[in-house]
Amino acid sequence: MEEIKNYTISVYTENNVGILNRLSAIFLKRHINIESMTVSKSEIDGVHRFTFVVNISGTQAHKVVGQLEKQIEVIRAFFHTEDEIIYNETALFKISTEHLYNEEIQERMKFRRAHIIAITERYFVIEASGLKEDIDNMYDKLMPYGLLQFVRSGRIAITKPKMAISELLAEFN
């Protein structure tokens, strides 16, 4: 049986109303849970990039990309394993100000990429970025201090190998 693992699927599209619904329906029809998703402008003017993280087999990834590319607005779609990409997530942690000078929290702030971005009388906000595991670890360590709010982004990723997407999409312009 084929190994199930995380794949990052990048979909380059025109920016049309309803495209997110049509793309997510492709995953729904195949009973594939989307672990994370982000949407942003791409390096090509007028082209948007959807980045989906899914836990599936290589065969399923190939089939899903084929189905995604059948959508009229989709210009190109690609899938990559985690060792083929450089990726990151960002998270915000809101904590009561009573813990601001807590040595343990200050020690947690030595986390790879974490810093305070806001302080008020009632709370402070820590921003952290890193791999999914880094964010999960930071969450676990801050949870005992009574997180008032927590939010994380989906994965953002670029490929390690050369991927001449600009040339591939040049005909779009």
Protein backbone atom coordinates (compact mmCIF):
# COMPACT_ATOMS: atom_id res chain seq x y z
CA MET A 1 0.00 0.00 0.00
CA GLU A 2 1.24 3.46 -0.90
CA GLU A 3 2.54 5.69 1.90
CA ILE A 4 0.29 8.50 3.13
CA LYS A 5 2.17 11.76 3.82
CA ASN A 6 1.81 15.52 3.74
CA TYR A 7 1.74 17.13 0.32
CA THR A 8 1.72 20.83 -0.39
CA ILE A 9 -0.43 21.58 -3.41
CA SER A 10 0.05 24.96 -5.10
CA VAL A 11 -2.66 26.13 -7.46
CA TYR A 12 -2.16 29.22 -9.66
CA THR A 13 -5.47 30.76 -10.71
CA GLU A 14 -7.21 33.78 -12.08
CA ASN A 15 -8.85 35.74 -9.25
CA ASN A 16 -12.53 34.98 -9.88
CA VAL A 17 -15.49 34.87 -7.52
CA GLY A 18 -16.28 31.32 -6.38
CA ILE A 19 -12.92 29.77 -7.25
CA LEU A 20 -12.22 28.77 -3.64
CA ASN A 21 -15.53 26.93 -3.49
CA ARG A 22 -14.81 25.03 -6.71
CA LEU A 23 -11.28 24.11 -5.63
CA SER A 24 -12.31 22.93 -2.16
CA ALA A 25 -15.15 20.87 -3.69
CA ILE A 26 -12.53 18.78 -5.50
CA PHE A 27 -11.02 17.79 -2.15
CA LEU A 28 -14.47 17.23 -0.63
CA LYS A 29 -15.57 14.86 -3.43
CA ARG A 30 -12.50 12.72 -2.74
CA HIS A 31 -12.96 12.82 1.06
CA ILE A 32 -9.60 14.59 1.48
CA ASN A 33 -9.30 16.79 4.55
CA ILE A 34 -7.50 20.08 3.99
CA GLU A 35 -5.02 20.48 6.87
CA SER A 36 -4.26 24.12 6.01
CA MET A 37 -4.88 26.59 3.23
CA THR A 38 -3.60 30.03 2.28
CA VAL A 39 -4.34 32.35 -0.62
CA SER A 40 -2.21 35.22 -1.83
CA LYS A 41 -1.05 37.14 -4.83
CA SER A 42 1.66 35.33 -6.75
CA GLU A 43 4.79 36.54 -8.46
CA ILE A 44 2.72 37.09 -11.63
CA ASP A 45 0.45 40.14 -11.80
CA GLY A 46 -3.21 39.10 -11.86
CA VAL A 47 -2.49 35.52 -10.76
CA HIS A 48 -3.32 34.21 -7.28
CA ARG A 49 -1.80 31.23 -5.53
CA PHE A 50 -3.72 28.81 -3.33
CA THR A 51 -1.54 26.64 -1.09
CA PHE A 52 -3.24 23.53 0.32
CA VAL A 53 -1.68 21.04 2.75
CA VAL A 54 -3.22 17.58 2.60
CA ASN A 55 -2.29 14.16 4.00
CA ILE A 56 -2.69 11.71 1.09
CA SER A 57 -0.81 9.24 -1.11
CA GLY A 58 1.32 10.27 -4.10
CA THR A 59 -1.23 8.72 -6.46
CA GLN A 60 -4.02 10.76 -4.87
CA ALA A 61 -1.90 13.94 -5.07
CA HIS A 62 -1.32 13.36 -8.79
CA LYS A 63 -5.05 12.77 -9.41
CA VAL A 64 -6.13 15.82 -7.37
CA VAL A 65 -3.72 18.10 -9.25
CA GLY A 66 -5.13 16.75 -12.53
CA GLN A 67 -8.67 17.53 -11.39
CA LEU A 68 -7.69 21.00 -10.16
CA GLU A 69 -6.15 21.83 -13.54
CA LYS A 70 -9.46 20.99 -15.26
CA GLN A 71 -11.05 24.06 -13.63
CA ILE A 72 -11.33 26.90 -16.14
CA GLU A 73 -9.70 29.50 -13.87
CA VAL A 74 -6.77 27.25 -12.91
CA ILE A 75 -3.63 28.07 -14.84
CA ARG A 76 -1.34 25.44 -13.29
CA ALA A 77 -1.25 23.20 -10.22
CA PHE A 78 1.69 21.41 -8.61
CA PHE A 79 2.27 19.07 -5.66
CA HIS A 80 5.38 18.73 -3.54
CA THR A 81 6.57 16.66 -0.61
CA GLU A 82 7.85 18.43 2.50
CA ASP A 83 11.49 17.82 1.57
CA GLU A 84 10.98 19.66 -1.75
CA ILE A 85 9.82 22.93 -0.19
CA ILE A 86 10.77 25.64 2.29
CA TYR A 87 7.74 26.47 4.39
CA ASN A 88 6.53 28.39 7.40
CA GLU A 89 3.49 29.23 9.52
CA THR A 90 2.77 32.23 11.74
CA ALA A 91 0.78 32.34 14.97
CA LEU A 92 -0.47 34.95 17.43
CA PHE A 93 -0.81 34.21 21.15
CA LYS A 94 -2.79 36.61 23.39
CA ILE A 95 -1.94 36.29 27.10
CA SER A 96 -2.96 38.22 30.21
CA THR A 97 -0.51 41.01 31.13
CA GLU A 98 -0.14 39.48 34.62
CA HIS A 99 2.24 36.96 32.97
CA LEU A 100 4.29 39.51 31.01
CA TYR A 101 7.36 39.36 33.26
CA ASN A 102 7.07 35.66 34.05
CA GLU A 103 10.54 34.12 33.63
CA GLU A 104 9.14 30.96 32.07
CA ILE A 105 7.33 32.97 29.39
CA GLN A 106 10.46 35.03 28.80
CA GLU A 107 12.34 31.75 28.38
CA ARG A 108 9.70 30.60 25.87
CA MET A 109 10.28 33.84 23.98
CA LYS A 110 13.76 32.57 23.15
CA PHE A 111 11.90 30.31 20.74
CA ARG A 112 13.36 30.51 17.28
CA ARG A 113 11.24 33.39 16.00
CA ALA A 114 8.97 34.81 18.67
CA HIS A 115 8.51 38.37 19.85
CA ILE A 116 5.94 40.61 21.51
CA ILE A 117 4.03 42.75 19.01
CA ALA A 118 1.49 44.45 21.32
CA ILE A 119 1.14 45.26 25.02
CA THR A 120 -1.91 46.75 26.73
CA GLU A 121 -2.98 47.00 30.36
CA ARG A 122 -4.92 43.74 30.07
CA TYR A 123 -2.95 41.58 27.63
CA PHE A 124 0.10 41.17 25.43
CA VAL A 125 0.44 39.44 22.08
CA ILE A 126 3.29 37.19 20.99
CA GLU A 127 3.91 36.54 17.31
CA ALA A 128 5.80 33.36 16.41
CA SER A 129 6.74 31.81 13.10
CA GLY A 130 8.22 28.48 12.17
CA LEU A 131 7.33 24.96 11.17
CA LYS A 132 4.00 23.46 12.25
CA GLU A 133 5.80 21.57 15.00
CA ASP A 134 7.39 24.81 16.27
CA ILE A 135 3.99 26.50 16.54
CA ASP A 136 2.47 23.41 18.20
CA ASN A 137 5.33 23.35 20.72
CA MET A 138 4.93 27.07 21.50
CA TYR A 139 1.17 26.55 21.97
CA ASP A 140 1.76 23.66 24.40
CA LYS A 141 4.25 25.72 26.41
CA LEU A 142 2.03 28.83 26.62
CA MET A 143 -1.25 27.01 27.27
CA PRO A 144 -0.67 26.74 31.07
CA TYR A 145 -0.66 30.57 31.22
CA GLY A 146 -4.26 30.79 30.05
CA LEU A 147 -4.24 31.77 26.41
CA LEU A 148 -6.90 34.42 25.90
CA GLN A 149 -6.79 33.93 22.14
CA PHE A 150 -4.78 31.89 19.64
CA VAL A 151 -4.73 31.97 15.85
CA ARG A 152 -2.38 30.49 13.27
CA SER A 153 -1.93 30.94 9.57
CA GLY A 154 -1.92 28.22 6.99
CA ARG A 155 1.34 27.10 5.44
CA ILE A 156 3.19 29.33 3.06
CA ALA A 157 5.77 27.59 0.89
CA ILE A 158 8.21 27.94 -1.95
CA THR A 159 9.98 25.12 -3.77
CA LYS A 160 13.63 24.20 -3.28
CA PRO A 161 14.22 22.98 -6.84
CA LYS A 162 14.05 25.52 -9.65
CA MET A 163 10.45 25.86 -10.71
CA ALA A 164 10.21 28.30 -13.57
CA ILE A 165 6.66 29.27 -12.74
CA SER A 166 7.12 32.75 -14.21
CA GLU A 167 8.02 31.26 -17.57
CA LEU A 168 5.20 28.72 -17.32
CA LEU A 169 2.71 31.48 -16.58
CA ALA A 170 4.15 34.09 -18.97
CA GLU A 171 1.59 33.16 -21.60
CA PHE A 172 -1.15 34.08 -19.13
CA ASN A 173 -0.19 37.78 -19.32
